[in-house]
Amino acid sequence: DEGLKWVAESRRVRPDFPPTIQAAVKLYVGLGQLDRARAEAERIRSPQFEERLRKGLSTRRHPEHRERELRFYRIALGLPE
């Protein structure tokens, strides 16, 4: 819930800032709020973004963090694991 407070604050400044939307997607998936996660994911969905997910590309260095991030995006976008 604390993370969602930061997302809300960021949105007041820049409502369409991609990193804020990405954070919201991951937070909502983590909280089990999949409808909200899907709605947020649709805001950043693009062929390029989906291709990055298919290739397993992430900016996270730690393998566990990278895999969790990719898994959460795939869940939100309804893409296969």
PDB file of N, CA and C in Angstrom:
ATOM      1  N   ASP A   1       0.816  -1.203   0.000  1.00  0.00           N
ATOM      2  CA  ASP A   1       0.000   0.000   0.000  1.00  0.00           C
ATOM      3  C   ASP A   1       0.858   1.264   0.000  1.00  0.00           C
ATOM      4  N   GLU A   2       2.009   1.200   0.645  1.00  0.00           N
ATOM      5  CA  GLU A   2       2.896   2.364   0.670  1.00  0.00           C
ATOM      6  C   GLU A   2       3.349   2.723  -0.746  1.00  0.00           C
ATOM      7  N   GLY A   3       3.624   1.703  -1.539  1.00  0.00           N
ATOM      8  CA  GLY A   3       4.038   1.945  -2.921  1.00  0.00           C
ATOM      9  C   GLY A   3       2.965   2.646  -3.721  1.00  0.00           C
ATOM     10  N   LEU A   4       1.710   2.292  -3.480  1.00  0.00           N
ATOM     11  CA  LEU A   4       0.611   2.935  -4.197  1.00  0.00           C
ATOM     12  C   LEU A   4       0.483   4.406  -3.816  1.00  0.00           C
ATOM     13  N   LYS A   5       0.865   4.749  -2.611  1.00  0.00           N
ATOM     14  CA  LYS A   5       0.864   6.167  -2.215  1.00  0.00           C
ATOM     15  C   LYS A   5       1.883   6.941  -3.050  1.00  0.00           C
ATOM     16  N   TRP A   6       3.056   6.335  -3.275  1.00  0.00           N
ATOM     17  CA  TRP A   6       4.080   6.990  -4.091  1.00  0.00           C
ATOM     18  C   TRP A   6       3.630   7.098  -5.542  1.00  0.00           C
ATOM     19  N   VAL A   7       2.951   6.076  -6.038  1.00  0.00           N
ATOM     20  CA  VAL A   7       2.421   6.123  -7.403  1.00  0.00           C
ATOM     21  C   VAL A   7       1.426   7.273  -7.525  1.00  0.00           C
ATOM     22  N   ALA A   8       0.529   7.388  -6.564  1.00  0.00           N
ATOM     23  CA  ALA A   8      -0.460   8.462  -6.589  1.00  0.00           C
ATOM     24  C   ALA A   8       0.218   9.830  -6.570  1.00  0.00           C
ATOM     25  N   GLU A   9       1.234   9.980  -5.757  1.00  0.00           N
ATOM     26  CA  GLU A   9       1.955  11.260  -5.684  1.00  0.00           C
ATOM     27  C   GLU A   9       2.640  11.570  -7.013  1.00  0.00           C
ATOM     28  N   SER A  10       3.268  10.578  -7.599  1.00  0.00           N
ATOM     29  CA  SER A  10       3.935  10.770  -8.881  1.00  0.00           C
ATOM     30  C   SER A  10       2.938  11.159  -9.963  1.00  0.00           C
ATOM     31  N   ARG A  11       1.777  10.558  -9.926  1.00  0.00           N
ATOM     32  CA  ARG A  11       0.744  10.858 -10.929  1.00  0.00           C
ATOM     33  C   ARG A  11       0.238  12.294 -10.830  1.00  0.00           C
ATOM     34  N   ARG A  12       0.282  12.844  -9.654  1.00  0.00           N
ATOM     35  CA  ARG A  12      -0.141  14.242  -9.527  1.00  0.00           C
ATOM     36  C   ARG A  12       0.795  15.154 -10.319  1.00  0.00           C
ATOM     37  N   VAL A  13       2.064  14.767 -10.398  1.00  0.00           N
ATOM     38  CA  VAL A  13       3.059  15.577 -11.090  1.00  0.00           C
ATOM     39  C   VAL A  13       3.092  15.255 -12.585  1.00  0.00           C
ATOM     40  N   ARG A  14       3.155  13.941 -12.900  1.00  0.00           N
ATOM     41  CA  ARG A  14       3.232  13.489 -14.304  1.00  0.00           C
ATOM     42  C   ARG A  14       2.348  12.262 -14.471  1.00  0.00           C
ATOM     43  N   PRO A  15       1.103  12.451 -14.831  1.00  0.00           N
ATOM     44  CA  PRO A  15       0.142  11.338 -14.895  1.00  0.00           C
ATOM     45  C   PRO A  15       0.512  10.205 -15.852  1.00  0.00           C
ATOM     46  N   ASP A  16       1.225  10.514 -16.930  1.00  0.00           N
ATOM     47  CA  ASP A  16       1.536   9.493 -17.933  1.00  0.00           C
ATOM     48  C   ASP A  16       3.001   9.081 -17.943  1.00  0.00           C
ATOM     49  N   PHE A  17       3.693   9.293 -16.836  1.00  0.00           N
ATOM     50  CA  PHE A  17       5.111   8.951 -16.738  1.00  0.00           C
ATOM     51  C   PHE A  17       5.250   7.427 -16.754  1.00  0.00           C
ATOM     52  N   PRO A  18       5.886   6.854 -17.807  1.00  0.00           N
ATOM     53  CA  PRO A  18       5.960   5.395 -17.919  1.00  0.00           C
ATOM     54  C   PRO A  18       6.490   4.665 -16.689  1.00  0.00           C
ATOM     55  N   PRO A  19       7.570   5.127 -16.026  1.00  0.00           N
ATOM     56  CA  PRO A  19       8.015   4.399 -14.841  1.00  0.00           C
ATOM     57  C   PRO A  19       6.954   4.333 -13.728  1.00  0.00           C
ATOM     58  N   THR A  20       6.127   5.346 -13.634  1.00  0.00           N
ATOM     59  CA  THR A  20       5.050   5.319 -12.639  1.00  0.00           C
ATOM     60  C   THR A  20       4.012   4.275 -13.015  1.00  0.00           C
ATOM     61  N   ILE A  21       3.679   4.219 -14.284  1.00  0.00           N
ATOM     62  CA  ILE A  21       2.710   3.217 -14.748  1.00  0.00           C
ATOM     63  C   ILE A  21       3.285   1.811 -14.546  1.00  0.00           C
ATOM     64  N   GLN A  22       4.561   1.637 -14.855  1.00  0.00           N
ATOM     65  CA  GLN A  22       5.200   0.335 -14.666  1.00  0.00           C
ATOM     66  C   GLN A  22       5.188  -0.071 -13.197  1.00  0.00           C
ATOM     67  N   ALA A  23       5.459   0.879 -12.316  1.00  0.00           N
ATOM     68  CA  ALA A  23       5.418   0.581 -10.878  1.00  0.00           C
ATOM     69  C   ALA A  23       4.016   0.175 -10.463  1.00  0.00           C
ATOM     70  N   ALA A  24       3.006   0.868 -10.993  1.00  0.00           N
ATOM     71  CA  ALA A  24       1.618   0.543 -10.651  1.00  0.00           C
ATOM     72  C   ALA A  24       1.269  -0.875 -11.100  1.00  0.00           C
ATOM     73  N   VAL A  25       1.693  -1.241 -12.301  1.00  0.00           N
ATOM     74  CA  VAL A  25       1.430  -2.598 -12.798  1.00  0.00           C
ATOM     75  C   VAL A  25       1.972  -3.629 -11.817  1.00  0.00           C
ATOM     76  N   LYS A  26       3.231  -3.478 -11.451  1.00  0.00           N
ATOM     77  CA  LYS A  26       3.879  -4.465 -10.573  1.00  0.00           C
ATOM     78  C   LYS A  26       3.253  -4.469  -9.180  1.00  0.00           C
ATOM     79  N   LEU A  27       2.915  -3.301  -8.676  1.00  0.00           N
ATOM     80  CA  LEU A  27       2.283  -3.239  -7.351  1.00  0.00           C
ATOM     81  C   LEU A  27       0.925  -3.927  -7.364  1.00  0.00           C
ATOM     82  N   TYR A  28       0.118  -3.637  -8.367  1.00  0.00           N
ATOM     83  CA  TYR A  28      -1.210  -4.247  -8.425  1.00  0.00           C
ATOM     84  C   TYR A  28      -1.147  -5.762  -8.599  1.00  0.00           C
ATOM     85  N   VAL A  29      -0.220  -6.248  -9.417  1.00  0.00           N
ATOM     86  CA  VAL A  29      -0.073  -7.701  -9.546  1.00  0.00           C
ATOM     87  C   VAL A  29       0.331  -8.284  -8.200  1.00  0.00           C
ATOM     88  N   GLY A  30       1.292  -7.659  -7.558  1.00  0.00           N
ATOM     89  CA  GLY A  30       1.758  -8.140  -6.258  1.00  0.00           C
ATOM     90  C   GLY A  30       0.671  -8.158  -5.200  1.00  0.00           C
ATOM     91  N   LEU A  31      -0.263  -7.221  -5.306  1.00  0.00           N
ATOM     92  CA  LEU A  31      -1.381  -7.158  -4.354  1.00  0.00           C
ATOM     93  C   LEU A  31      -2.560  -8.033  -4.781  1.00  0.00           C
ATOM     94  N   GLY A  32      -2.432  -8.682  -5.939  1.00  0.00           N
ATOM     95  CA  GLY A  32      -3.511  -9.538  -6.429  1.00  0.00           C
ATOM     96  C   GLY A  32      -4.667  -8.775  -7.047  1.00  0.00           C
ATOM     97  N   GLN A  33      -4.452  -7.504  -7.368  1.00  0.00           N
ATOM     98  CA  GLN A  33      -5.488  -6.680  -7.983  1.00  0.00           C
ATOM     99  C   GLN A  33      -5.276  -6.693  -9.500  1.00  0.00           C
ATOM    100  N   LEU A  34      -5.605  -7.848 -10.089  1.00  0.00           N
ATOM    101  CA  LEU A  34      -5.260  -8.073 -11.490  1.00  0.00           C
ATOM    102  C   LEU A  34      -6.032  -7.199 -12.461  1.00  0.00           C
ATOM    103  N   ASP A  35      -7.278  -6.868 -12.159  1.00  0.00           N
ATOM    104  CA  ASP A  35      -8.021  -5.977 -13.054  1.00  0.00           C
ATOM    105  C   ASP A  35      -7.343  -4.618 -13.148  1.00  0.00           C
ATOM    106  N   ARG A  36      -6.905  -4.107 -12.026  1.00  0.00           N
ATOM    107  CA  ARG A  36      -6.197  -2.817 -12.027  1.00  0.00           C
ATOM    108  C   ARG A  36      -4.847  -2.947 -12.714  1.00  0.00           C
ATOM    109  N   ALA A  37      -4.164  -4.058 -12.467  1.00  0.00           N
ATOM    110  CA  ALA A  37      -2.868  -4.270 -13.121  1.00  0.00           C
ATOM    111  C   ALA A  37      -3.040  -4.313 -14.634  1.00  0.00           C
ATOM    112  N   ARG A  38      -4.071  -4.986 -15.105  1.00  0.00           N
ATOM    113  CA  ARG A  38      -4.317  -5.078 -16.553  1.00  0.00           C
ATOM    114  C   ARG A  38      -4.624  -3.707 -17.148  1.00  0.00           C
ATOM    115  N   ALA A  39      -5.428  -2.929 -16.438  1.00  0.00           N
ATOM    116  CA  ALA A  39      -5.763  -1.589 -16.930  1.00  0.00           C
ATOM    117  C   ALA A  39      -4.507  -0.726 -17.045  1.00  0.00           C
ATOM    118  N   GLU A  40      -3.638  -0.808 -16.064  1.00  0.00           N
ATOM    119  CA  GLU A  40      -2.392  -0.036 -16.114  1.00  0.00           C
ATOM    120  C   GLU A  40      -1.488  -0.553 -17.230  1.00  0.00           C
ATOM    121  N   ALA A  41      -1.397  -1.867 -17.364  1.00  0.00           N
ATOM    122  CA  ALA A  41      -0.523  -2.457 -18.377  1.00  0.00           C
ATOM    123  C   ALA A  41      -0.952  -2.052 -19.784  1.00  0.00           C
ATOM    124  N   GLU A  42      -2.235  -1.898 -19.999  1.00  0.00           N
ATOM    125  CA  GLU A  42      -2.725  -1.477 -21.314  1.00  0.00           C
ATOM    126  C   GLU A  42      -2.223  -0.079 -21.669  1.00  0.00           C
ATOM    127  N   ARG A  43      -1.929   0.723 -20.672  1.00  0.00           N
ATOM    128  CA  ARG A  43      -1.436   2.082 -20.923  1.00  0.00           C
ATOM    129  C   ARG A  43      -0.011   2.082 -21.473  1.00  0.00           C
ATOM    130  N   ILE A  44       0.741   1.025 -21.211  1.00  0.00           N
ATOM    131  CA  ILE A  44       2.129   0.968 -21.688  1.00  0.00           C
ATOM    132  C   ILE A  44       2.341  -0.144 -22.722  1.00  0.00           C
ATOM    133  N   ARG A  45       1.281  -0.849 -23.054  1.00  0.00           N
ATOM    134  CA  ARG A  45       1.402  -1.957 -23.999  1.00  0.00           C
ATOM    135  C   ARG A  45       1.784  -1.431 -25.382  1.00  0.00           C
ATOM    136  N   SER A  46       2.744  -2.098 -25.979  1.00  0.00           N
ATOM    137  CA  SER A  46       3.169  -1.793 -27.346  1.00  0.00           C
ATOM    138  C   SER A  46       3.853  -3.039 -27.889  1.00  0.00           C
ATOM    139  N   PRO A  47       3.955  -3.144 -29.199  1.00  0.00           N
ATOM    140  CA  PRO A  47       4.677  -4.297 -29.752  1.00  0.00           C
ATOM    141  C   PRO A  47       6.121  -4.368 -29.246  1.00  0.00           C
ATOM    142  N   GLN A  48       6.762  -3.217 -29.084  1.00  0.00           N
ATOM    143  CA  GLN A  48       8.140  -3.197 -28.615  1.00  0.00           C
ATOM    144  C   GLN A  48       8.232  -3.696 -27.170  1.00  0.00           C
ATOM    145  N   PHE A  49       7.298  -3.263 -26.338  1.00  0.00           N
ATOM    146  CA  PHE A  49       7.297  -3.691 -24.944  1.00  0.00           C
ATOM    147  C   PHE A  49       7.072  -5.199 -24.838  1.00  0.00           C
ATOM    148  N   GLU A  50       6.121  -5.703 -25.613  1.00  0.00           N
ATOM    149  CA  GLU A  50       5.858  -7.151 -25.601  1.00  0.00           C
ATOM    150  C   GLU A  50       7.056  -7.940 -26.111  1.00  0.00           C
ATOM    151  N   GLU A  51       7.746  -7.415 -27.104  1.00  0.00           N
ATOM    152  CA  GLU A  51       8.935  -8.092 -27.621  1.00  0.00           C
ATOM    153  C   GLU A  51      10.030  -8.157 -26.553  1.00  0.00           C
ATOM    154  N   ARG A  52      10.212  -7.074 -25.804  1.00  0.00           N
ATOM    155  CA  ARG A  52      11.184  -7.077 -24.709  1.00  0.00           C
ATOM    156  C   ARG A  52      10.830  -8.161 -23.689  1.00  0.00           C
ATOM    157  N   LEU A  53       9.543  -8.299 -23.394  1.00  0.00           N
ATOM    158  CA  LEU A  53       9.124  -9.330 -22.435  1.00  0.00           C
ATOM    159  C   LEU A  53       9.397 -10.723 -22.983  1.00  0.00           C
ATOM    160  N   ARG A  54       9.075 -10.936 -24.262  1.00  0.00           N
ATOM    161  CA  ARG A  54       9.319 -12.250 -24.870  1.00  0.00           C
ATOM    162  C   ARG A  54      10.803 -12.613 -24.847  1.00  0.00           C
ATOM    163  N   LYS A  55      11.638 -11.610 -25.033  1.00  0.00           N
ATOM    164  CA  LYS A  55      13.088 -11.847 -25.033  1.00  0.00           C
ATOM    165  C   LYS A  55      13.669 -11.903 -23.623  1.00  0.00           C
ATOM    166  N   GLY A  56      12.851 -11.574 -22.625  1.00  0.00           N
ATOM    167  CA  GLY A  56      13.326 -11.604 -21.245  1.00  0.00           C
ATOM    168  C   GLY A  56      14.217 -10.433 -20.890  1.00  0.00           C
ATOM    169  N   LEU A  57      14.032  -9.308 -21.574  1.00  0.00           N
ATOM    170  CA  LEU A  57      14.859  -8.131 -21.328  1.00  0.00           C
ATOM    171  C   LEU A  57      14.296  -7.302 -20.185  1.00  0.00           C
ATOM    172  N   SER A  58      15.179  -6.892 -19.307  1.00  0.00           N
ATOM    173  CA  SER A  58      14.806  -6.100 -18.148  1.00  0.00           C
ATOM    174  C   SER A  58      16.004  -5.264 -17.723  1.00  0.00           C
ATOM    175  N   THR A  59      15.744  -4.174 -17.047  1.00  0.00           N
ATOM    176  CA  THR A  59      16.836  -3.350 -16.529  1.00  0.00           C
ATOM    177  C   THR A  59      17.301  -3.831 -15.163  1.00  0.00           C
ATOM    178  N   ARG A  60      16.614  -4.798 -14.581  1.00  0.00           N
ATOM    179  CA  ARG A  60      16.983  -5.323 -13.263  1.00  0.00           C
ATOM    180  C   ARG A  60      18.231  -6.186 -13.383  1.00  0.00           C
ATOM    181  N   ARG A  61      19.181  -5.967 -12.491  1.00  0.00           N
ATOM    182  CA  ARG A  61      20.430  -6.734 -12.524  1.00  0.00           C
ATOM    183  C   ARG A  61      20.323  -8.054 -11.780  1.00  0.00           C
ATOM    184  N   HIS A  62      19.648  -8.044 -10.666  1.00  0.00           N
ATOM    185  CA  HIS A  62      19.534  -9.256  -9.852  1.00  0.00           C
ATOM    186  C   HIS A  62      18.575 -10.227 -10.551  1.00  0.00           C
ATOM    187  N   PRO A  63      19.015 -11.461 -10.831  1.00  0.00           N
ATOM    188  CA  PRO A  63      18.182 -12.411 -11.579  1.00  0.00           C
ATOM    189  C   PRO A  63      16.784 -12.626 -10.991  1.00  0.00           C
ATOM    190  N   GLU A  64      16.672 -12.721  -9.675  1.00  0.00           N
ATOM    191  CA  GLU A  64      15.348 -12.933  -9.069  1.00  0.00           C
ATOM    192  C   GLU A  64      14.440 -11.740  -9.298  1.00  0.00           C
ATOM    193  N   HIS A  65      14.976 -10.548  -9.173  1.00  0.00           N
ATOM    194  CA  HIS A  65      14.182  -9.334  -9.400  1.00  0.00           C
ATOM    195  C   HIS A  65      13.758  -9.234 -10.860  1.00  0.00           C
ATOM    196  N   ARG A  66      14.687  -9.561 -11.749  1.00  0.00           N
ATOM    197  CA  ARG A  66      14.396  -9.520 -13.182  1.00  0.00           C
ATOM    198  C   ARG A  66      13.265 -10.491 -13.525  1.00  0.00           C
ATOM    199  N   GLU A  67      13.368 -11.717 -13.041  1.00  0.00           N
ATOM    200  CA  GLU A  67      12.351 -12.723 -13.354  1.00  0.00           C
ATOM    201  C   GLU A  67      10.981 -12.352 -12.765  1.00  0.00           C
ATOM    202  N   ARG A  68      10.985 -11.817 -11.549  1.00  0.00           N
ATOM    203  CA  ARG A  68       9.723 -11.404 -10.931  1.00  0.00           C
ATOM    204  C   ARG A  68       9.085 -10.265 -11.723  1.00  0.00           C
ATOM    205  N   GLU A  69       9.887  -9.283 -12.101  1.00  0.00           N
ATOM    206  CA  GLU A  69       9.360  -8.159 -12.876  1.00  0.00           C
ATOM    207  C   GLU A  69       8.752  -8.650 -14.185  1.00  0.00           C
ATOM    208  N   LEU A  70       9.487  -9.479 -14.913  1.00  0.00           N
ATOM    209  CA  LEU A  70       8.980  -9.996 -16.188  1.00  0.00           C
ATOM    210  C   LEU A  70       7.717 -10.831 -15.989  1.00  0.00           C
ATOM    211  N   ARG A  71       7.707 -11.655 -14.948  1.00  0.00           N
ATOM    212  CA  ARG A  71       6.526 -12.483 -14.663  1.00  0.00           C
ATOM    213  C   ARG A  71       5.311 -11.602 -14.372  1.00  0.00           C
ATOM    214  N   PHE A  72       5.497 -10.550 -13.582  1.00  0.00           N
ATOM    215  CA  PHE A  72       4.381  -9.658 -13.239  1.00  0.00           C
ATOM    216  C   PHE A  72       3.842  -8.948 -14.476  1.00  0.00           C
ATOM    217  N   TYR A  73       4.735  -8.487 -15.364  1.00  0.00           N
ATOM    218  CA  TYR A  73       4.275  -7.852 -16.603  1.00  0.00           C
ATOM    219  C   TYR A  73       3.505  -8.848 -17.463  1.00  0.00           C
ATOM    220  N   ARG A  74       4.027 -10.058 -17.566  1.00  0.00           N
ATOM    221  CA  ARG A  74       3.338 -11.084 -18.383  1.00  0.00           C
ATOM    222  C   ARG A  74       1.961 -11.386 -17.818  1.00  0.00           C
ATOM    223  N   ILE A  75       1.858 -11.478 -16.518  1.00  0.00           N
ATOM    224  CA  ILE A  75       0.557 -11.719 -15.872  1.00  0.00           C
ATOM    225  C   ILE A  75      -0.405 -10.591 -16.228  1.00  0.00           C
ATOM    226  N   ALA A  76       0.048  -9.362 -16.057  1.00  0.00           N
ATOM    227  CA  ALA A  76      -0.815  -8.205 -16.306  1.00  0.00           C
ATOM    228  C   ALA A  76      -1.248  -8.117 -17.763  1.00  0.00           C
ATOM    229  N   LEU A  77      -0.364  -8.492 -18.677  1.00  0.00           N
ATOM    230  CA  LEU A  77      -0.678  -8.402 -20.103  1.00  0.00           C
ATOM    231  C   LEU A  77      -1.289  -9.678 -20.660  1.00  0.00           C
ATOM    232  N   GLY A  78      -1.395 -10.708 -19.837  1.00  0.00           N
ATOM    233  CA  GLY A  78      -1.979 -11.965 -20.312  1.00  0.00           C
ATOM    234  C   GLY A  78      -1.097 -12.694 -21.296  1.00  0.00           C
ATOM    235  N   LEU A  79       0.205 -12.540 -21.155  1.00  0.00           N
ATOM    236  CA  LEU A  79       1.161 -13.208 -22.050  1.00  0.00           C
ATOM    237  C   LEU A  79       1.642 -14.514 -21.419  1.00  0.00           C
ATOM    238  N   PRO A  80       2.044 -15.474 -22.243  1.00  0.00           N
ATOM    239  CA  PRO A  80       2.542 -16.730 -21.681  1.00  0.00           C
ATOM    240  C   PRO A  80       3.847 -16.537 -20.923  1.00  0.00           C
ATOM    241  N   GLU A  81       4.080 -17.413 -19.968  1.00  0.00           N
ATOM    242  CA  GLU A  81       5.330 -17.360 -19.176  1.00  0.00           C
ATOM    243  C   GLU A  81       6.547 -17.620 -20.011  1.00  0.00           C
TER     244      GLU A  81
END
